[in-house]
N, C-alpha and C. Protein backbone atom coordinates (compact mmCIF):
# COMPACT_ATOMS: atom_id res chain seq x y z
N MET A 1 0.84 -1.17 0.00
CA MET A 1 0.00 0.00 0.00
C MET A 1 0.89 1.24 0.00
N SER A 2 0.58 2.20 -0.83
CA SER A 2 1.33 3.45 -0.85
C SER A 2 0.70 4.42 0.15
N THR A 3 1.52 5.24 0.74
CA THR A 3 1.02 6.18 1.72
C THR A 3 1.59 7.56 1.43
N ILE A 4 0.73 8.51 1.34
CA ILE A 4 1.10 9.91 1.23
C ILE A 4 0.49 10.59 2.44
N LYS A 5 1.30 11.20 3.26
CA LYS A 5 0.79 11.85 4.46
C LYS A 5 0.88 13.35 4.30
N ILE A 6 -0.23 14.00 4.54
CA ILE A 6 -0.28 15.46 4.51
C ILE A 6 -0.91 15.88 5.82
N LYS A 7 -0.22 16.71 6.56
CA LYS A 7 -0.70 17.13 7.86
C LYS A 7 -1.01 18.62 7.81
N LEU A 8 -2.21 18.96 8.22
CA LEU A 8 -2.63 20.36 8.24
C LEU A 8 -2.14 20.99 9.52
N GLU A 9 -1.19 21.90 9.39
CA GLU A 9 -0.63 22.59 10.54
C GLU A 9 -0.44 24.05 10.18
N GLY A 10 -0.41 24.87 11.19
CA GLY A 10 0.03 26.24 10.99
C GLY A 10 -1.05 27.25 10.69
N ASP A 11 -2.28 26.85 10.45
CA ASP A 11 -3.34 27.81 10.20
C ASP A 11 -3.80 28.34 11.56
N LYS A 12 -3.21 29.45 11.96
CA LYS A 12 -3.45 29.99 13.31
C LYS A 12 -4.91 30.38 13.51
N GLU A 13 -5.53 30.94 12.47
CA GLU A 13 -6.93 31.33 12.59
C GLU A 13 -7.81 30.11 12.82
N LEU A 14 -7.55 29.04 12.09
CA LEU A 14 -8.33 27.81 12.25
C LEU A 14 -8.10 27.21 13.64
N GLN A 15 -6.87 27.23 14.10
CA GLN A 15 -6.57 26.70 15.44
C GLN A 15 -7.31 27.49 16.51
N ARG A 16 -7.39 28.80 16.36
CA ARG A 16 -8.13 29.63 17.33
C ARG A 16 -9.61 29.26 17.32
N MET A 17 -10.17 29.07 16.12
CA MET A 17 -11.58 28.70 16.02
C MET A 17 -11.85 27.35 16.67
N LEU A 18 -10.96 26.39 16.43
CA LEU A 18 -11.14 25.06 17.02
C LEU A 18 -11.13 25.13 18.54
N LYS A 19 -10.28 25.99 19.11
CA LYS A 19 -10.22 26.13 20.56
C LYS A 19 -11.48 26.77 21.12
N ARG A 20 -12.14 27.62 20.33
CA ARG A 20 -13.35 28.29 20.80
C ARG A 20 -14.56 27.36 20.80
N CYS A 21 -14.50 26.31 20.02
CA CYS A 21 -15.62 25.39 19.93
C CYS A 21 -15.58 24.42 21.11
N LYS A 22 -16.59 24.48 21.94
CA LYS A 22 -16.62 23.66 23.15
C LYS A 22 -17.27 22.29 22.93
N ASN A 23 -17.92 22.10 21.79
CA ASN A 23 -18.61 20.85 21.50
C ASN A 23 -17.81 20.03 20.49
N PRO A 24 -17.07 19.02 20.96
CA PRO A 24 -16.24 18.24 20.03
C PRO A 24 -17.05 17.48 18.99
N ASP A 25 -18.32 17.21 19.26
CA ASP A 25 -19.14 16.50 18.27
C ASP A 25 -19.34 17.33 17.01
N LYS A 26 -19.40 18.65 17.17
CA LYS A 26 -19.52 19.53 15.99
C LYS A 26 -18.26 19.44 15.13
N ILE A 27 -17.12 19.42 15.78
CA ILE A 27 -15.86 19.33 15.05
C ILE A 27 -15.76 17.97 14.37
N LYS A 28 -16.19 16.92 15.05
CA LYS A 28 -16.16 15.57 14.47
C LYS A 28 -17.02 15.51 13.21
N MET A 29 -18.15 16.17 13.22
CA MET A 29 -19.00 16.20 12.02
C MET A 29 -18.32 16.97 10.89
N CYS A 30 -17.61 18.03 11.23
CA CYS A 30 -16.86 18.79 10.22
C CYS A 30 -15.76 17.92 9.61
N VAL A 31 -15.06 17.18 10.46
CA VAL A 31 -13.99 16.28 9.99
C VAL A 31 -14.57 15.22 9.07
N LYS A 32 -15.67 14.62 9.48
CA LYS A 32 -16.29 13.56 8.68
C LYS A 32 -16.77 14.10 7.33
N SER A 33 -17.39 15.25 7.33
CA SER A 33 -17.90 15.84 6.09
C SER A 33 -16.77 16.21 5.14
N ALA A 34 -15.73 16.86 5.66
CA ALA A 34 -14.59 17.24 4.81
C ALA A 34 -13.85 16.00 4.32
N GLY A 35 -13.74 14.98 5.15
CA GLY A 35 -13.12 13.72 4.73
C GLY A 35 -13.88 13.06 3.60
N ALA A 36 -15.21 13.06 3.72
CA ALA A 36 -16.05 12.48 2.66
C ALA A 36 -15.90 13.26 1.36
N THR A 37 -15.82 14.59 1.48
CA THR A 37 -15.61 15.42 0.29
C THR A 37 -14.28 15.08 -0.37
N MET A 38 -13.24 14.91 0.45
CA MET A 38 -11.94 14.58 -0.10
C MET A 38 -11.96 13.23 -0.80
N GLN A 39 -12.60 12.24 -0.18
CA GLN A 39 -12.67 10.91 -0.79
C GLN A 39 -13.42 10.97 -2.13
N GLN A 40 -14.56 11.61 -2.15
CA GLN A 40 -15.36 11.69 -3.37
C GLN A 40 -14.63 12.44 -4.47
N THR A 41 -13.97 13.54 -4.11
CA THR A 41 -13.23 14.33 -5.10
C THR A 41 -12.04 13.55 -5.63
N ALA A 42 -11.32 12.87 -4.75
CA ALA A 42 -10.18 12.06 -5.18
C ALA A 42 -10.64 10.94 -6.11
N GLN A 43 -11.77 10.33 -5.80
CA GLN A 43 -12.29 9.27 -6.67
C GLN A 43 -12.67 9.82 -8.04
N ARG A 44 -13.27 11.00 -8.06
CA ARG A 44 -13.62 11.63 -9.36
C ARG A 44 -12.36 12.01 -10.14
N ASN A 45 -11.33 12.48 -9.43
CA ASN A 45 -10.11 12.96 -10.08
C ASN A 45 -9.17 11.83 -10.52
N ALA A 46 -9.29 10.66 -9.91
CA ALA A 46 -8.36 9.56 -10.19
C ALA A 46 -8.49 9.12 -11.65
N PRO A 47 -7.34 8.99 -12.33
CA PRO A 47 -7.40 8.50 -13.71
C PRO A 47 -7.92 7.07 -13.74
N VAL A 48 -8.67 6.76 -14.77
CA VAL A 48 -9.31 5.44 -14.84
C VAL A 48 -8.79 4.67 -16.05
N VAL A 49 -8.21 3.53 -15.78
CA VAL A 49 -7.89 2.55 -16.81
C VAL A 49 -8.79 1.34 -16.56
N THR A 50 -8.64 0.77 -15.37
CA THR A 50 -9.49 -0.37 -14.99
C THR A 50 -10.50 0.01 -13.91
N GLY A 51 -10.28 1.15 -13.23
CA GLY A 51 -11.14 1.56 -12.13
C GLY A 51 -10.66 1.11 -10.77
N THR A 52 -9.58 0.34 -10.75
CA THR A 52 -9.08 -0.21 -9.47
C THR A 52 -8.60 0.90 -8.55
N LEU A 53 -7.85 1.86 -9.08
CA LEU A 53 -7.36 2.96 -8.25
C LEU A 53 -8.54 3.72 -7.66
N ARG A 54 -9.49 4.07 -8.47
CA ARG A 54 -10.66 4.82 -8.02
C ARG A 54 -11.40 4.07 -6.90
N ARG A 55 -11.61 2.79 -7.10
CA ARG A 55 -12.32 1.99 -6.09
C ARG A 55 -11.51 1.80 -4.81
N SER A 56 -10.19 1.94 -4.90
CA SER A 56 -9.34 1.69 -3.73
C SER A 56 -9.23 2.89 -2.79
N ILE A 57 -9.73 4.03 -3.19
CA ILE A 57 -9.59 5.24 -2.36
C ILE A 57 -10.59 5.17 -1.21
N MET A 58 -10.05 5.05 -0.01
CA MET A 58 -10.86 4.83 1.19
C MET A 58 -10.74 5.99 2.17
N LEU A 59 -11.80 6.17 2.94
CA LEU A 59 -11.84 7.16 4.02
C LEU A 59 -11.83 6.41 5.34
N ASN A 60 -10.91 6.78 6.21
CA ASN A 60 -10.85 6.24 7.57
C ASN A 60 -10.93 7.41 8.55
N ILE A 61 -11.87 7.34 9.47
CA ILE A 61 -11.98 8.35 10.51
C ILE A 61 -11.28 7.78 11.74
N THR A 62 -10.26 8.48 12.23
CA THR A 62 -9.45 8.00 13.35
C THR A 62 -9.37 9.06 14.45
N ASN A 63 -8.59 8.75 15.45
CA ASN A 63 -8.32 9.68 16.55
C ASN A 63 -9.62 10.15 17.20
N GLY A 64 -10.51 9.20 17.43
CA GLY A 64 -11.77 9.54 18.10
C GLY A 64 -12.67 10.43 17.28
N GLY A 65 -12.54 10.37 15.96
CA GLY A 65 -13.37 11.19 15.09
C GLY A 65 -12.76 12.53 14.75
N MET A 66 -11.55 12.79 15.22
CA MET A 66 -10.92 14.10 15.01
C MET A 66 -9.94 14.11 13.84
N GLN A 67 -9.80 13.00 13.13
CA GLN A 67 -8.86 12.93 12.02
C GLN A 67 -9.47 12.11 10.90
N ALA A 68 -9.36 12.61 9.68
CA ALA A 68 -9.82 11.88 8.51
C ALA A 68 -8.61 11.54 7.65
N GLU A 69 -8.53 10.28 7.23
CA GLU A 69 -7.44 9.84 6.36
C GLU A 69 -8.06 9.30 5.08
N VAL A 70 -7.62 9.86 3.97
CA VAL A 70 -8.07 9.39 2.66
C VAL A 70 -6.85 8.90 1.92
N GLN A 71 -6.90 7.64 1.50
CA GLN A 71 -5.75 7.08 0.79
C GLN A 71 -6.17 5.91 -0.07
N PRO A 72 -5.41 5.69 -1.14
CA PRO A 72 -5.68 4.50 -1.95
C PRO A 72 -5.05 3.28 -1.29
N THR A 73 -5.62 2.13 -1.54
CA THR A 73 -5.06 0.91 -0.99
C THR A 73 -4.23 0.15 -2.01
N VAL A 74 -4.22 0.61 -3.26
CA VAL A 74 -3.38 -0.05 -4.26
C VAL A 74 -1.95 0.46 -4.13
N HIS A 75 -0.99 -0.40 -4.44
CA HIS A 75 0.42 -0.07 -4.23
C HIS A 75 0.93 1.05 -5.14
N TYR A 76 0.26 1.30 -6.25
CA TYR A 76 0.77 2.28 -7.21
C TYR A 76 0.12 3.66 -7.09
N GLY A 77 -0.69 3.87 -6.06
CA GLY A 77 -1.39 5.14 -5.90
C GLY A 77 -0.46 6.34 -5.83
N ALA A 78 0.64 6.21 -5.11
CA ALA A 78 1.60 7.33 -4.99
C ALA A 78 2.30 7.60 -6.32
N TYR A 79 2.55 6.56 -7.10
CA TYR A 79 3.20 6.76 -8.40
C TYR A 79 2.31 7.57 -9.33
N VAL A 80 1.02 7.32 -9.29
CA VAL A 80 0.10 8.07 -10.13
C VAL A 80 0.05 9.52 -9.64
N GLU A 81 -0.05 9.72 -8.33
CA GLU A 81 -0.14 11.06 -7.75
C GLU A 81 1.12 11.89 -8.03
N LEU A 82 2.28 11.29 -7.81
CA LEU A 82 3.54 12.04 -7.86
C LEU A 82 4.33 11.85 -9.15
N GLY A 83 4.02 10.80 -9.89
CA GLY A 83 4.76 10.50 -11.11
C GLY A 83 6.04 9.73 -10.81
N THR A 84 6.68 9.31 -11.88
CA THR A 84 7.96 8.62 -11.80
C THR A 84 8.86 9.20 -12.89
N ARG A 85 10.04 8.67 -13.03
CA ARG A 85 10.90 9.17 -14.10
C ARG A 85 10.39 8.72 -15.47
N PHE A 86 9.49 7.75 -15.48
CA PHE A 86 8.93 7.24 -16.73
C PHE A 86 7.51 7.75 -17.00
N MET A 87 6.89 8.38 -16.02
CA MET A 87 5.48 8.74 -16.13
C MET A 87 5.24 10.09 -15.45
N ASN A 88 4.51 10.95 -16.11
CA ASN A 88 4.16 12.23 -15.51
C ASN A 88 3.17 12.03 -14.37
N ALA A 89 3.21 12.95 -13.41
CA ALA A 89 2.27 12.92 -12.30
C ALA A 89 0.86 13.19 -12.81
N ARG A 90 -0.11 12.53 -12.19
CA ARG A 90 -1.52 12.77 -12.47
C ARG A 90 -2.23 12.95 -11.12
N PRO A 91 -2.02 14.12 -10.51
CA PRO A 91 -2.53 14.35 -9.16
C PRO A 91 -4.05 14.18 -9.05
N TYR A 92 -4.44 13.45 -8.04
CA TYR A 92 -5.86 13.28 -7.74
C TYR A 92 -6.12 13.53 -6.26
N LEU A 93 -5.10 13.33 -5.40
CA LEU A 93 -5.26 13.54 -3.97
C LEU A 93 -5.07 15.01 -3.57
N LYS A 94 -4.05 15.66 -4.09
CA LYS A 94 -3.76 17.05 -3.70
C LYS A 94 -4.90 17.98 -4.07
N PRO A 95 -5.46 17.91 -5.29
CA PRO A 95 -6.62 18.76 -5.57
C PRO A 95 -7.81 18.46 -4.65
N ALA A 96 -7.98 17.20 -4.29
CA ALA A 96 -9.05 16.82 -3.38
C ALA A 96 -8.79 17.38 -1.99
N LEU A 97 -7.53 17.36 -1.55
CA LEU A 97 -7.16 17.92 -0.26
C LEU A 97 -7.45 19.41 -0.23
N ASP A 98 -7.08 20.11 -1.29
CA ASP A 98 -7.32 21.56 -1.34
C ASP A 98 -8.80 21.88 -1.18
N LYS A 99 -9.65 21.13 -1.86
CA LYS A 99 -11.09 21.34 -1.76
C LYS A 99 -11.59 21.02 -0.35
N ALA A 100 -11.12 19.92 0.22
CA ALA A 100 -11.57 19.51 1.55
C ALA A 100 -11.11 20.49 2.63
N GLN A 101 -9.91 21.04 2.49
CA GLN A 101 -9.41 22.00 3.47
C GLN A 101 -10.30 23.24 3.49
N ALA A 102 -10.66 23.73 2.32
CA ALA A 102 -11.51 24.92 2.24
C ALA A 102 -12.88 24.62 2.87
N GLU A 103 -13.42 23.44 2.58
CA GLU A 103 -14.72 23.07 3.15
C GLU A 103 -14.63 22.94 4.67
N PHE A 104 -13.55 22.31 5.16
CA PHE A 104 -13.39 22.12 6.60
C PHE A 104 -13.34 23.46 7.31
N LYS A 105 -12.59 24.39 6.77
CA LYS A 105 -12.47 25.70 7.40
C LYS A 105 -13.82 26.40 7.46
N SER A 106 -14.58 26.36 6.37
CA SER A 106 -15.88 27.04 6.39
C SER A 106 -16.86 26.33 7.33
N LEU A 107 -16.80 24.99 7.40
CA LEU A 107 -17.67 24.26 8.32
C LEU A 107 -17.35 24.58 9.77
N VAL A 108 -16.06 24.67 10.08
CA VAL A 108 -15.66 24.99 11.46
C VAL A 108 -16.07 26.42 11.81
N GLU A 109 -15.88 27.34 10.87
CA GLU A 109 -16.30 28.73 11.11
C GLU A 109 -17.79 28.78 11.43
N ALA A 110 -18.59 28.07 10.63
CA ALA A 110 -20.04 28.07 10.86
C ALA A 110 -20.38 27.43 12.21
N ALA A 111 -19.72 26.34 12.57
CA ALA A 111 -19.97 25.67 13.84
C ALA A 111 -19.64 26.59 15.02
N VAL A 112 -18.52 27.27 14.93
CA VAL A 112 -18.10 28.16 16.02
C VAL A 112 -19.05 29.35 16.11
N MET A 113 -19.44 29.89 14.97
CA MET A 113 -20.33 31.05 14.99
C MET A 113 -21.70 30.69 15.58
N THR A 114 -22.23 29.51 15.25
CA THR A 114 -23.52 29.14 15.84
C THR A 114 -23.37 28.86 17.32
N GLU A 115 -22.23 28.36 17.73
CA GLU A 115 -22.02 28.06 19.14
C GLU A 115 -21.90 29.33 19.99
N ILE A 116 -21.23 30.34 19.44
CA ILE A 116 -21.04 31.57 20.22
C ILE A 116 -22.15 32.59 19.97
N GLY A 117 -23.13 32.18 19.15
CA GLY A 117 -24.29 33.04 18.94
C GLY A 117 -24.14 34.06 17.84
N GLY A 118 -23.18 33.84 16.95
CA GLY A 118 -22.99 34.81 15.87
C GLY A 118 -23.59 34.37 14.56
N GLY A 119 -24.35 33.26 14.51
CA GLY A 119 -24.86 32.84 13.21
C GLY A 119 -26.13 32.13 13.24
């Protein structure tokens, strides 16, 4: 199985919002929704020859619901994403991550605003 790890760190505004949210279940729903968006987008973006790569892209919710992991289970997933010296990259995970990050941030903003009475 190939593994590409991308860790979201450093967004100070997002970290402040997460600290303001007192209900972890709201954050867990945001994580699950953004994770599902990433999985669906990655599946749509994945190049299709046989469909195996597309079908292998799985979503795992871990860390008590606070972390979403989207990854292919086929061994060649990273080669398609990053390319090799013989093949150009055909990114399908990074564009999906970009979309999911934007969705996660807006979902957290909405959750925090409704919790503190601003929305």
